[in-house]
Amino acid sequence: MKVASYLPKENQPRTERTWAIRGYVINEGVTGEEMWTNGMRKVKSIYFMPNQVHQATDSELEAYWKPIKAAKSARAKELRKMKREKIERDIAPMTNFLNAHQGSDDELIKAICTASRFAVREYRRLKGTVPLYSLFRVELPAFDVTPIKSASITLDTETTGLSPDDGAEILQLSIINQDGEVLFNEYFKPLFAKSWERAMAVNHITPEMVADKPCIYDKLPEIIAILQGADRVIGYNTQFDLRMLKAVGAILPEHTPVVDVTEDFAPIYGEYKENYGSYKWQKLTVCADYYGYDWGEDSAHDSLADCRATLYCYQKMQELPFASD
């Protein structure tokens, strides 16, 4: 049965709570009727007619509201506790890093510790309302770099996760030039992450493989020199890689053209998604197979191998009669 909204207001049934708000309580021994609360027929509540309630005394209303207020207060207290616990879990990797490097004389470590302390303090102050790692920015001493000139570079990263704001860190970065020459190929030890099971299932980079590798900040001048000297940047889902690099301070010059083979290949492959009104992005392996790329001894999800496959696909796409940069 649906609530009889067509009845005069004074004769309409109401829930026990609604009656209590109006200053009434349910008569002892009466039984309400279960009704749909709206026309969508998704939620039911127990309703009572006007002849099943009476004007409440102050003590009756207090008795009704007391357990409801107590339950609400207990729930709010529990939610505050859960939020505090989540904040402590979130900052644990940074606090562990700080504890492990107390009193370090290394300038880079000191800069990372400063950034960590700031991020932890602000995250607590803001009560976890912003992503923790968006507050983490390492201020390195100024350094001069000489750009390494290239007509184009193709780059790719392998990471611990899907977003730098969620704490994803770069495990491997590879960069090749327009001729396929390797300009950079390095594994990195993450600052905070100790394990990355989901990512490892894809890229097969284990914590043991990077345990003795450098920190990405150690290689930052070299990376920036390559980015600054590139006339064009090519990648597969390029914006993700550039976001990961930007998070550590390796920022591409503002007016450098960026090519995303993922976007360019989507309409060529032609899998149109009606619900999105656009062509579906395909995996690099699909694109490589489409153009007959021979991986040889390489395997996908190694950043250097992915760079080579991406450059090959890009060059094949440039052979199309309608291709343009």
C-alpha atoms as a PDB file:
ATOM      1  CA  MET A   1       0.000   0.000   0.000  1.00  0.00           C
ATOM      2  CA  LYS A   2       1.212   3.504  -0.788  1.00  0.00           C
ATOM      3  CA  VAL A   3       1.000   6.378   1.696  1.00  0.00           C
ATOM      4  CA  ALA A   4      -2.412   7.973   1.220  1.00  0.00           C
ATOM      5  CA  SER A   5      -1.167  11.431   0.239  1.00  0.00           C
ATOM      6  CA  TYR A   6      -4.578  12.243  -1.220  1.00  0.00           C
ATOM      7  CA  LEU A   7      -6.136  12.319   2.256  1.00  0.00           C
ATOM      8  CA  PRO A   8      -6.594  15.650   4.052  1.00  0.00           C
ATOM      9  CA  LYS A   9      -3.437  16.642   5.900  1.00  0.00           C
ATOM     10  CA  GLU A  10      -4.958  16.107   9.325  1.00  0.00           C
ATOM     11  CA  ASN A  11      -5.923  12.516   8.409  1.00  0.00           C
ATOM     12  CA  GLN A  12      -2.681  11.413   6.752  1.00  0.00           C
ATOM     13  CA  PRO A  13      -0.646   8.538   8.259  1.00  0.00           C
ATOM     14  CA  ARG A  14       2.881   9.310   9.443  1.00  0.00           C
ATOM     15  CA  THR A  15       5.884   7.411  10.736  1.00  0.00           C
ATOM     16  CA  GLU A  16       6.609   7.288  14.457  1.00  0.00           C
ATOM     17  CA  ARG A  17       9.510   9.700  13.992  1.00  0.00           C
ATOM     18  CA  THR A  18       7.405  12.194  12.040  1.00  0.00           C
ATOM     19  CA  TRP A  19       4.738  12.082  14.733  1.00  0.00           C
ATOM     20  CA  ALA A  20       7.379  12.650  17.422  1.00  0.00           C
ATOM     21  CA  ILE A  21       8.712  15.689  15.550  1.00  0.00           C
ATOM     22  CA  ARG A  22       5.162  17.066  15.692  1.00  0.00           C
ATOM     23  CA  GLY A  23       4.922  16.329  19.430  1.00  0.00           C
ATOM     24  CA  TYR A  24       2.970  13.074  19.374  1.00  0.00           C
ATOM     25  CA  VAL A  25       3.764   9.512  20.446  1.00  0.00           C
ATOM     26  CA  ILE A  26       2.194   6.203  19.496  1.00  0.00           C
ATOM     27  CA  ASN A  27      -0.600   4.837  21.680  1.00  0.00           C
ATOM     28  CA  GLU A  28       0.318   1.753  23.642  1.00  0.00           C
ATOM     29  CA  GLY A  29      -0.618  -1.541  22.023  1.00  0.00           C
ATOM     30  CA  VAL A  30      -1.389  -0.234  18.517  1.00  0.00           C
ATOM     31  CA  THR A  31       0.122  -1.688  15.351  1.00  0.00           C
ATOM     32  CA  GLY A  32       1.057   0.452  12.393  1.00  0.00           C
ATOM     33  CA  GLU A  33       0.832  -0.489   8.735  1.00  0.00           C
ATOM     34  CA  GLU A  34       3.796  -1.021   6.401  1.00  0.00           C
ATOM     35  CA  MET A  35       3.548   1.214   3.370  1.00  0.00           C
ATOM     36  CA  TRP A  36       5.693   2.330   0.455  1.00  0.00           C
ATOM     37  CA  THR A  37       7.185   5.739   1.202  1.00  0.00           C
ATOM     38  CA  ASN A  38       7.090   6.896  -2.432  1.00  0.00           C
ATOM     39  CA  GLY A  39       5.815   6.041  -5.849  1.00  0.00           C
ATOM     40  CA  MET A  40       9.078   4.350  -6.827  1.00  0.00           C
ATOM     41  CA  ARG A  41       8.231   1.479  -4.429  1.00  0.00           C
ATOM     42  CA  LYS A  42      11.795   1.068  -3.193  1.00  0.00           C
ATOM     43  CA  VAL A  43      11.484   1.899   0.528  1.00  0.00           C
ATOM     44  CA  LYS A  44       8.911   0.834   3.116  1.00  0.00           C
ATOM     45  CA  SER A  45       8.174   2.241   6.582  1.00  0.00           C
ATOM     46  CA  ILE A  46       5.634   1.666   9.317  1.00  0.00           C
ATOM     47  CA  TYR A  47       2.915   4.332   9.354  1.00  0.00           C
ATOM     48  CA  PHE A  48       0.368   5.255  12.038  1.00  0.00           C
ATOM     49  CA  MET A  49      -2.963   6.998  11.644  1.00  0.00           C
ATOM     50  CA  PRO A  50      -3.947  10.097  13.670  1.00  0.00           C
ATOM     51  CA  ASN A  51      -6.277   8.022  15.873  1.00  0.00           C
ATOM     52  CA  GLN A  52      -3.299   5.834  16.890  1.00  0.00           C
ATOM     53  CA  VAL A  53      -1.290   8.656  18.488  1.00  0.00           C
ATOM     54  CA  HIS A  54      -1.715  11.157  21.306  1.00  0.00           C
ATOM     55  CA  GLN A  55      -0.200  14.493  22.329  1.00  0.00           C
ATOM     56  CA  ALA A  56       3.010  13.637  24.170  1.00  0.00           C
ATOM     57  CA  THR A  57       4.190  14.926  27.511  1.00  0.00           C
ATOM     58  CA  ASP A  58       7.743  16.247  27.854  1.00  0.00           C
ATOM     59  CA  SER A  59       8.824  13.049  29.588  1.00  0.00           C
ATOM     60  CA  GLU A  60       7.308  10.869  26.843  1.00  0.00           C
ATOM     61  CA  LEU A  61       9.139  12.807  24.139  1.00  0.00           C
ATOM     62  CA  GLU A  62      12.380  12.675  26.122  1.00  0.00           C
ATOM     63  CA  ALA A  63      12.011   8.901  26.482  1.00  0.00           C
ATOM     64  CA  TYR A  64      11.470   8.571  22.723  1.00  0.00           C
ATOM     65  CA  TRP A  65      14.378  10.767  21.610  1.00  0.00           C
ATOM     66  CA  LYS A  66      16.954   9.696  24.225  1.00  0.00           C
ATOM     67  CA  PRO A  67      17.985   6.332  22.659  1.00  0.00           C
ATOM     68  CA  ILE A  68      17.905   7.858  19.167  1.00  0.00           C
ATOM     69  CA  LYS A  69      20.228  10.671  20.211  1.00  0.00           C
ATOM     70  CA  ALA A  70      22.482   8.216  22.060  1.00  0.00           C
ATOM     71  CA  ALA A  71      22.750   5.978  18.963  1.00  0.00           C
ATOM     72  CA  LYS A  72      23.467   8.992  16.752  1.00  0.00           C
ATOM     73  CA  SER A  73      26.149  10.211  19.151  1.00  0.00           C
ATOM     74  CA  ALA A  74      27.740   6.763  19.328  1.00  0.00           C
ATOM     75  CA  ARG A  75      27.749   6.491  15.543  1.00  0.00           C
ATOM     76  CA  ALA A  76      29.343   9.951  15.185  1.00  0.00           C
ATOM     77  CA  LYS A  77      31.992   8.983  17.744  1.00  0.00           C
ATOM     78  CA  GLU A  78      32.719   5.769  15.873  1.00  0.00           C
ATOM     79  CA  LEU A  79      33.002   7.634  12.566  1.00  0.00           C
ATOM     80  CA  ARG A  80      35.443  10.120  14.110  1.00  0.00           C
ATOM     81  CA  LYS A  81      37.519   7.223  15.445  1.00  0.00           C
ATOM     82  CA  MET A  82      37.513   5.503  12.039  1.00  0.00           C
ATOM     83  CA  LYS A  83      38.576   8.752  10.362  1.00  0.00           C
ATOM     84  CA  ARG A  84      41.464   9.228  12.820  1.00  0.00           C
ATOM     85  CA  GLU A  85      42.571   5.634  12.238  1.00  0.00           C
ATOM     86  CA  LYS A  86      42.423   6.106   8.463  1.00  0.00           C
ATOM     87  CA  ILE A  87      44.529   9.258   8.695  1.00  0.00           C
ATOM     88  CA  GLU A  88      47.132   7.400  10.746  1.00  0.00           C
ATOM     89  CA  ARG A  89      47.157   4.530   8.230  1.00  0.00           C
ATOM     90  CA  ASP A  90      47.536   6.974   5.351  1.00  0.00           C
ATOM     91  CA  ILE A  91      50.499   8.807   6.883  1.00  0.00           C
ATOM     92  CA  ALA A  92      52.225   5.635   8.154  1.00  0.00           C
ATOM     93  CA  PRO A  93      54.574   5.297   5.112  1.00  0.00           C
ATOM     94  CA  MET A  94      55.781   8.893   5.562  1.00  0.00           C
ATOM     95  CA  THR A  95      56.143   8.644   9.332  1.00  0.00           C
ATOM     96  CA  ASN A  96      58.061   5.381   8.902  1.00  0.00           C
ATOM     97  CA  PHE A  97      60.382   7.135   6.438  1.00  0.00           C
ATOM     98  CA  LEU A  98      60.896   9.998   8.889  1.00  0.00           C
ATOM     99  CA  ASN A  99      61.656   7.622  11.747  1.00  0.00           C
ATOM    100  CA  ALA A 100      64.115   5.663   9.610  1.00  0.00           C
ATOM    101  CA  HIS A 101      66.041   8.769   8.504  1.00  0.00           C
ATOM    102  CA  GLN A 102      66.207  10.873  11.651  1.00  0.00           C
ATOM    103  CA  GLY A 103      69.402  12.874  11.831  1.00  0.00           C
ATOM    104  CA  SER A 104      70.491  12.099   8.247  1.00  0.00           C
ATOM    105  CA  ASP A 105      73.146  14.449   6.820  1.00  0.00           C
ATOM    106  CA  ASP A 106      72.211  13.644   3.215  1.00  0.00           C
ATOM    107  CA  GLU A 107      70.797  16.815   1.620  1.00  0.00           C
ATOM    108  CA  LEU A 108      68.325  14.914  -0.544  1.00  0.00           C
ATOM    109  CA  ILE A 109      67.050  12.844   2.393  1.00  0.00           C
ATOM    110  CA  LYS A 110      66.671  16.014   4.443  1.00  0.00           C
ATOM    111  CA  ALA A 111      64.619  17.618   1.658  1.00  0.00           C
ATOM    112  CA  ILE A 112      62.369  14.537   1.450  1.00  0.00           C
ATOM    113  CA  CYS A 113      61.928  14.562   5.236  1.00  0.00           C
ATOM    114  CA  THR A 114      60.962  18.241   5.160  1.00  0.00           C
ATOM    115  CA  ALA A 115      58.353  17.547   2.474  1.00  0.00           C
ATOM    116  CA  SER A 116      57.063  14.545   4.444  1.00  0.00           C
ATOM    117  CA  ARG A 117      56.700  16.481   7.690  1.00  0.00           C
ATOM    118  CA  PHE A 118      54.796  19.252   5.902  1.00  0.00           C
ATOM    119  CA  ALA A 119      52.473  16.778   4.157  1.00  0.00           C
ATOM    120  CA  VAL A 120      51.746  14.875   7.384  1.00  0.00           C
ATOM    121  CA  ARG A 121      51.075  18.052   9.355  1.00  0.00           C
ATOM    122  CA  GLU A 122      48.766  19.531   6.711  1.00  0.00           C
ATOM    123  CA  TYR A 123      46.941  16.239   6.149  1.00  0.00           C
ATOM    124  CA  ARG A 124      46.157  16.025   9.846  1.00  0.00           C
ATOM    125  CA  ARG A 125      45.141  19.684   9.982  1.00  0.00           C
ATOM    126  CA  LEU A 126      42.814  19.249   7.009  1.00  0.00           C
ATOM    127  CA  LYS A 127      41.465  16.013   8.545  1.00  0.00           C
ATOM    128  CA  GLY A 128      42.201  13.983   5.430  1.00  0.00           C
ATOM    129  CA  THR A 129      39.955  16.046   3.159  1.00  0.00           C
ATOM    130  CA  VAL A 130      42.622  16.296   0.433  1.00  0.00           C
ATOM    131  CA  PRO A 131      44.861  13.555  -1.004  1.00  0.00           C
ATOM    132  CA  LEU A 132      47.942  13.181   1.202  1.00  0.00           C
ATOM    133  CA  TYR A 133      50.424  12.921  -1.648  1.00  0.00           C
ATOM    134  CA  SER A 134      49.127  16.071  -3.310  1.00  0.00           C
ATOM    135  CA  LEU A 135      50.666  17.863  -0.312  1.00  0.00           C
ATOM    136  CA  PHE A 136      54.051  16.184  -0.767  1.00  0.00           C
ATOM    137  CA  ARG A 137      56.440  18.317  -2.806  1.00  0.00           C
ATOM    138  CA  VAL A 138      60.205  17.969  -2.459  1.00  0.00           C
ATOM    139  CA  GLU A 139      62.087  21.270  -2.748  1.00  0.00           C
ATOM    140  CA  LEU A 140      65.492  20.435  -4.198  1.00  0.00           C
ATOM    141  CA  PRO A 141      68.458  22.806  -4.363  1.00  0.00           C
ATOM    142  CA  ALA A 142      68.553  24.703  -7.663  1.00  0.00           C
ATOM    143  CA  PHE A 143      70.537  22.939 -10.365  1.00  0.00           C
ATOM    144  CA  ASP A 144      71.432  23.875 -13.926  1.00  0.00           C
ATOM    145  CA  VAL A 145      70.854  21.419 -16.740  1.00  0.00           C
ATOM    146  CA  THR A 146      71.928  21.439 -20.361  1.00  0.00           C
ATOM    147  CA  PRO A 147      69.006  20.264 -22.541  1.00  0.00           C
ATOM    148  CA  ILE A 148      69.653  17.071 -24.501  1.00  0.00           C
ATOM    149  CA  LYS A 149      68.241  17.891 -27.931  1.00  0.00           C
ATOM    150  CA  SER A 150      65.936  15.432 -29.700  1.00  0.00           C
ATOM    151  CA  ALA A 151      63.461  15.833 -32.538  1.00  0.00           C
ATOM    152  CA  SER A 152      61.142  13.657 -30.459  1.00  0.00           C
ATOM    153  CA  ILE A 153      61.231  11.394 -27.457  1.00  0.00           C
ATOM    154  CA  THR A 154      59.008   8.464 -26.563  1.00  0.00           C
ATOM    155  CA  LEU A 155      58.633   7.782 -22.860  1.00  0.00           C
ATOM    156  CA  ASP A 156      56.913   5.292 -20.601  1.00  0.00           C
ATOM    157  CA  THR A 157      56.707   4.549 -16.887  1.00  0.00           C
ATOM    158  CA  GLU A 158      55.928   1.543 -14.736  1.00  0.00           C
ATOM    159  CA  THR A 159      54.465   2.480 -11.377  1.00  0.00           C
ATOM    160  CA  THR A 160      53.204   1.159  -8.039  1.00  0.00           C
ATOM    161  CA  GLY A 161      49.666   2.450  -8.664  1.00  0.00           C
ATOM    162  CA  LEU A 162      47.291   4.485 -10.769  1.00  0.00           C
ATOM    163  CA  SER A 163      47.641   8.048  -9.483  1.00  0.00           C
ATOM    164  CA  PRO A 164      50.389  10.114  -7.851  1.00  0.00           C
ATOM    165  CA  ASP A 165      47.728  11.709  -5.624  1.00  0.00           C
ATOM    166  CA  ASP A 166      47.033   8.258  -4.194  1.00  0.00           C
ATOM    167  CA  GLY A 167      50.716   7.639  -3.535  1.00  0.00           C
ATOM    168  CA  ALA A 168      51.694   5.864  -6.765  1.00  0.00           C
ATOM    169  CA  GLU A 169      55.451   6.022  -7.355  1.00  0.00           C
ATOM    170  CA  ILE A 170      57.590   5.419 -10.442  1.00  0.00           C
ATOM    171  CA  LEU A 171      59.360   2.060 -10.492  1.00  0.00           C
ATOM    172  CA  GLN A 172      60.832   2.319 -13.991  1.00  0.00           C
ATOM    173  CA  LEU A 173      61.252   5.125 -16.508  1.00  0.00           C
ATOM    174  CA  SER A 174      62.442   4.707 -20.064  1.00  0.00           C
ATOM    175  CA  ILE A 175      62.988   7.315 -22.782  1.00  0.00           C
ATOM    176  CA  ILE A 176      64.112   6.770 -26.382  1.00  0.00           C
ATOM    177  CA  ASN A 177      64.627   9.266 -29.199  1.00  0.00           C
ATOM    178  CA  GLN A 178      63.137   9.353 -32.691  1.00  0.00           C
ATOM    179  CA  ASP A 179      65.683   6.776 -33.892  1.00  0.00           C
ATOM    180  CA  GLY A 180      64.975   4.352 -31.063  1.00  0.00           C
ATOM    181  CA  GLU A 181      68.209   5.159 -29.237  1.00  0.00           C
ATOM    182  CA  VAL A 182      67.936   4.771 -25.473  1.00  0.00           C
ATOM    183  CA  LEU A 183      68.336   8.119 -23.731  1.00  0.00           C
ATOM    184  CA  PHE A 184      67.272   6.896 -20.310  1.00  0.00           C
ATOM    185  CA  ASN A 185      66.320   3.566 -18.772  1.00  0.00           C
ATOM    186  CA  GLU A 186      66.344   3.156 -15.023  1.00  0.00           C
ATOM    187  CA  TYR A 187      64.596   1.344 -12.189  1.00  0.00           C
ATOM    188  CA  PHE A 188      63.858   3.237  -8.966  1.00  0.00           C
ATOM    189  CA  LYS A 189      63.363   2.313  -5.358  1.00  0.00           C
ATOM    190  CA  PRO A 190      60.102   3.894  -4.106  1.00  0.00           C
ATOM    191  CA  LEU A 191      60.371   6.271  -1.195  1.00  0.00           C
ATOM    192  CA  PHE A 192      57.348   5.001   0.687  1.00  0.00           C
ATOM    193  CA  ALA A 193      55.789   1.940  -0.938  1.00  0.00           C
ATOM    194  CA  LYS A 194      56.982  -1.417   0.398  1.00  0.00           C
ATOM    195  CA  SER A 195      54.751  -3.605  -1.761  1.00  0.00           C
ATOM    196  CA  TRP A 196      52.500  -3.164  -4.796  1.00  0.00           C
ATOM    197  CA  GLU A 197      50.810  -6.488  -5.455  1.00  0.00           C
ATOM    198  CA  ARG A 198      48.292  -5.329  -8.084  1.00  0.00           C
ATOM    199  CA  ALA A 199      50.849  -3.394 -10.103  1.00  0.00           C
ATOM    200  CA  MET A 200      53.416  -6.178  -9.708  1.00  0.00           C
ATOM    201  CA  ALA A 201      50.973  -8.655 -11.253  1.00  0.00           C
ATOM    202  CA  VAL A 202      51.111  -6.506 -14.404  1.00  0.00           C
ATOM    203  CA  ASN A 203      54.661  -5.125 -14.587  1.00  0.00           C
ATOM    204  CA  HIS A 204      56.402  -7.965 -12.693  1.00  0.00           C
ATOM    205  CA  ILE A 205      58.645  -5.493 -10.857  1.00  0.00           C
ATOM    206  CA  THR A 206      59.217  -6.885  -7.368  1.00  0.00           C
ATOM    207  CA  PRO A 207      60.421  -5.015  -4.272  1.00  0.00           C
ATOM    208  CA  GLU A 208      63.602  -7.110  -4.422  1.00  0.00           C
ATOM    209  CA  MET A 209      64.325  -5.936  -7.978  1.00  0.00           C
ATOM    210  CA  VAL A 210      64.458  -2.289  -6.910  1.00  0.00           C
ATOM    211  CA  ALA A 211      65.794  -2.656  -3.368  1.00  0.00           C
ATOM    212  CA  ASP A 212      69.252  -1.339  -4.312  1.00  0.00           C
ATOM    213  CA  LYS A 213      68.160   1.070  -7.058  1.00  0.00           C
ATOM    214  CA  PRO A 214      68.483   4.854  -6.785  1.00  0.00           C
ATOM    215  CA  CYS A 215      65.764   7.233  -5.664  1.00  0.00           C
ATOM    216  CA  ILE A 216      64.149   9.007  -8.630  1.00  0.00           C
ATOM    217  CA  TYR A 217      65.231  12.385  -7.232  1.00  0.00           C
ATOM    218  CA  ASP A 218      68.871  11.321  -7.699  1.00  0.00           C
ATOM    219  CA  LYS A 219      68.250  11.166 -11.448  1.00  0.00           C
ATOM    220  CA  LEU A 220      66.049  14.229 -11.740  1.00  0.00           C
ATOM    221  CA  PRO A 221      68.598  16.546 -13.459  1.00  0.00           C
ATOM    222  CA  GLU A 222      69.187  13.929 -16.164  1.00  0.00           C
ATOM    223  CA  ILE A 223      65.451  13.404 -16.714  1.00  0.00           C
ATOM    224  CA  ILE A 224      64.727  17.138 -16.861  1.00  0.00           C
ATOM    225  CA  ALA A 225      67.541  17.682 -19.383  1.00  0.00           C
ATOM    226  CA  ILE A 226      65.918  15.155 -21.726  1.00  0.00           C
ATOM    227  CA  LEU A 227      62.444  16.661 -21.311  1.00  0.00           C
ATOM    228  CA  GLN A 228      63.696  20.186 -21.900  1.00  0.00           C
ATOM    229  CA  GLY A 229      65.503  19.219 -25.088  1.00  0.00           C
ATOM    230  CA  ALA A 230      62.602  17.374 -26.747  1.00  0.00           C
ATOM    231  CA  ASP A 231      60.787  19.014 -29.664  1.00  0.00           C
ATOM    232  CA  ARG A 232      57.936  16.526 -29.261  1.00  0.00           C
ATOM    233  CA  VAL A 233      56.872  13.928 -26.668  1.00  0.00           C
ATOM    234  CA  ILE A 234      55.209  10.665 -27.693  1.00  0.00           C
ATOM    235  CA  GLY A 235      53.645   8.084 -25.437  1.00  0.00           C
ATOM    236  CA  TYR A 236      50.814   5.650 -24.865  1.00  0.00           C
ATOM    237  CA  ASN A 237      48.400   7.278 -22.404  1.00  0.00           C
ATOM    238  CA  THR A 238      51.021   9.997 -22.277  1.00  0.00           C
ATOM    239  CA  GLN A 239      49.244  12.239 -19.789  1.00  0.00           C
ATOM    240  CA  PHE A 240      49.502   9.572 -17.098  1.00  0.00           C
ATOM    241  CA  ASP A 241      53.271   9.342 -17.508  1.00  0.00           C
ATOM    242  CA  LEU A 242      53.632  13.125 -17.539  1.00  0.00           C
ATOM    243  CA  ARG A 243      51.526  13.408 -14.369  1.00  0.00           C
ATOM    244  CA  MET A 244      53.760  10.870 -12.637  1.00  0.00           C
ATOM    245  CA  LEU A 245      56.854  12.815 -13.686  1.00  0.00           C
ATOM    246  CA  LYS A 246      55.350  16.166 -12.707  1.00  0.00           C
ATOM    247  CA  ALA A 247      54.676  14.822  -9.210  1.00  0.00           C
ATOM    248  CA  VAL A 248      58.428  14.449  -8.635  1.00  0.00           C
ATOM    249  CA  GLY A 249      59.341  17.774 -10.252  1.00  0.00           C
ATOM    250  CA  ALA A 250      60.173  16.605 -13.783  1.00  0.00           C
ATOM    251  CA  ILE A 251      57.933  19.040 -15.635  1.00  0.00           C
ATOM    252  CA  LEU A 252      57.663  19.194 -19.411  1.00  0.00           C
ATOM    253  CA  PRO A 253      58.126  22.708 -20.882  1.00  0.00           C
ATOM    254  CA  GLU A 254      54.713  24.279 -21.372  1.00  0.00           C
ATOM    255  CA  HIS A 255      54.588  24.517 -25.179  1.00  0.00           C
ATOM    256  CA  THR A 256      56.111  21.133 -26.043  1.00  0.00           C
ATOM    257  CA  PRO A 257      53.741  19.206 -28.370  1.00  0.00           C
ATOM    258  CA  VAL A 258      52.471  15.969 -26.828  1.00  0.00           C
ATOM    259  CA  VAL A 259      51.290  12.989 -28.892  1.00  0.00           C
ATOM    260  CA  ASP A 260      49.122  10.314 -27.282  1.00  0.00           C
ATOM    261  CA  VAL A 261      49.109   7.257 -29.520  1.00  0.00           C
ATOM    262  CA  THR A 262      46.263   5.831 -27.406  1.00  0.00           C
ATOM    263  CA  GLU A 263      43.897   8.588 -28.480  1.00  0.00           C
ATOM    264  CA  ASP A 264      45.046   8.589 -32.106  1.00  0.00           C
ATOM    265  CA  PHE A 265      44.716   4.827 -32.466  1.00  0.00           C
ATOM    266  CA  ALA A 266      41.202   4.585 -30.985  1.00  0.00           C
ATOM    267  CA  PRO A 267      39.305   5.798 -34.105  1.00  0.00           C
ATOM    268  CA  ILE A 268      41.619   3.820 -36.367  1.00  0.00           C
ATOM    269  CA  TYR A 269      40.745   0.612 -34.530  1.00  0.00           C
ATOM    270  CA  GLY A 270      37.131   1.738 -34.607  1.00  0.00           C
ATOM    271  CA  GLU A 271      35.492   0.191 -31.533  1.00  0.00           C
ATOM    272  CA  TYR A 272      32.795   2.769 -30.882  1.00  0.00           C
ATOM    273  CA  LYS A 273      31.115   2.903 -27.463  1.00  0.00           C
ATOM    274  CA  GLU A 274      27.588   4.238 -27.794  1.00  0.00           C
ATOM    275  CA  ASN A 275      27.176   4.832 -24.058  1.00  0.00           C
ATOM    276  CA  TYR A 276      30.284   7.069 -23.996  1.00  0.00           C
ATOM    277  CA  GLY A 277      29.817   8.612 -27.421  1.00  0.00           C
ATOM    278  CA  SER A 278      33.458   7.986 -28.336  1.00  0.00           C
ATOM    279  CA  TYR A 279      35.915   5.369 -29.519  1.00  0.00           C
ATOM    280  CA  LYS A 280      37.264   2.978 -26.895  1.00  0.00           C
ATOM    281  CA  TRP A 281      40.928   3.282 -25.979  1.00  0.00           C
ATOM    282  CA  GLN A 282      42.824   0.087 -26.707  1.00  0.00           C
ATOM    283  CA  LYS A 283      45.751  -1.466 -24.878  1.00  0.00           C
ATOM    284  CA  LEU A 284      49.225  -1.035 -26.305  1.00  0.00           C
ATOM    285  CA  THR A 285      49.381  -4.770 -27.051  1.00  0.00           C
ATOM    286  CA  VAL A 286      46.262  -4.429 -29.236  1.00  0.00           C
ATOM    287  CA  CYS A 287      47.766  -1.474 -31.094  1.00  0.00           C
ATOM    288  CA  ALA A 288      51.088  -3.305 -31.551  1.00  0.00           C
ATOM    289  CA  ASP A 289      49.344  -6.419 -32.879  1.00  0.00           C
ATOM    290  CA  TYR A 290      47.268  -4.279 -35.249  1.00  0.00           C
ATOM    291  CA  TYR A 291      50.455  -2.980 -36.876  1.00  0.00           C
ATOM    292  CA  GLY A 292      52.237  -6.339 -36.787  1.00  0.00           C
ATOM    293  CA  TYR A 293      54.879  -5.303 -34.264  1.00  0.00           C
ATOM    294  CA  ASP A 294      57.399  -8.012 -33.364  1.00  0.00           C
ATOM    295  CA  TRP A 295      58.195  -7.800 -29.664  1.00  0.00           C
ATOM    296  CA  GLY A 296      61.166 -10.132 -30.130  1.00  0.00           C
ATOM    297  CA  GLU A 297      62.672 -10.843 -26.713  1.00  0.00           C
ATOM    298  CA  ASP A 298      60.855  -7.866 -25.213  1.00  0.00           C
ATOM    299  CA  SER A 299      57.630  -8.206 -23.246  1.00  0.00           C
ATOM    300  CA  ALA A 300      54.864  -5.689 -22.664  1.00  0.00           C
ATOM    301  CA  HIS A 301      54.791  -3.712 -19.398  1.00  0.00           C
ATOM    302  CA  ASP A 302      58.523  -3.208 -19.356  1.00  0.00           C
ATOM    303  CA  SER A 303      58.794   0.523 -19.916  1.00  0.00           C
ATOM    304  CA  LEU A 304      61.653   0.268 -22.422  1.00  0.00           C
ATOM    305  CA  ALA A 305      59.835  -2.417 -24.412  1.00  0.00           C
ATOM    306  CA  ASP A 306      56.666  -0.311 -24.339  1.00  0.00           C
ATOM    307  CA  CYS A 307      58.600   2.721 -25.614  1.00  0.00           C
ATOM    308  CA  ARG A 308      59.848   0.756 -28.599  1.00  0.00           C
ATOM    309  CA  ALA A 309      56.386  -0.598 -29.391  1.00  0.00           C
ATOM    310  CA  THR A 310      54.813   2.856 -29.019  1.00  0.00           C
ATOM    311  CA  LEU A 311      57.353   4.492 -31.333  1.00  0.00           C
ATOM    312  CA  TYR A 312      56.831   1.756 -33.932  1.00  0.00           C
ATOM    313  CA  CYS A 313      53.031   2.231 -33.831  1.00  0.00           C
ATOM    314  CA  TYR A 314      53.408   6.006 -34.031  1.00  0.00           C
ATOM    315  CA  GLN A 315      55.631   5.708 -37.106  1.00  0.00           C
ATOM    316  CA  LYS A 316      53.167   3.329 -38.760  1.00  0.00           C
ATOM    317  CA  MET A 317      50.341   5.755 -38.125  1.00  0.00           C
ATOM    318  CA  GLN A 318      52.373   8.542 -39.769  1.00  0.00           C
ATOM    319  CA  GLU A 319      52.287   6.508 -42.993  1.00  0.00           C
ATOM    320  CA  LEU A 320      48.505   6.879 -43.208  1.00  0.00           C
ATOM    321  CA  PRO A 321      47.385   9.337 -45.932  1.00  0.00           C
ATOM    322  CA  PHE A 322      45.414  11.464 -43.441  1.00  0.00           C
ATOM    323  CA  ALA A 323      48.113  11.487 -40.763  1.00  0.00           C
ATOM    324  CA  SER A 324      49.354  14.764 -39.359  1.00  0.00           C
ATOM    325  CA  ASP A 325      51.131  15.873 -36.219  1.00  0.00           C
END
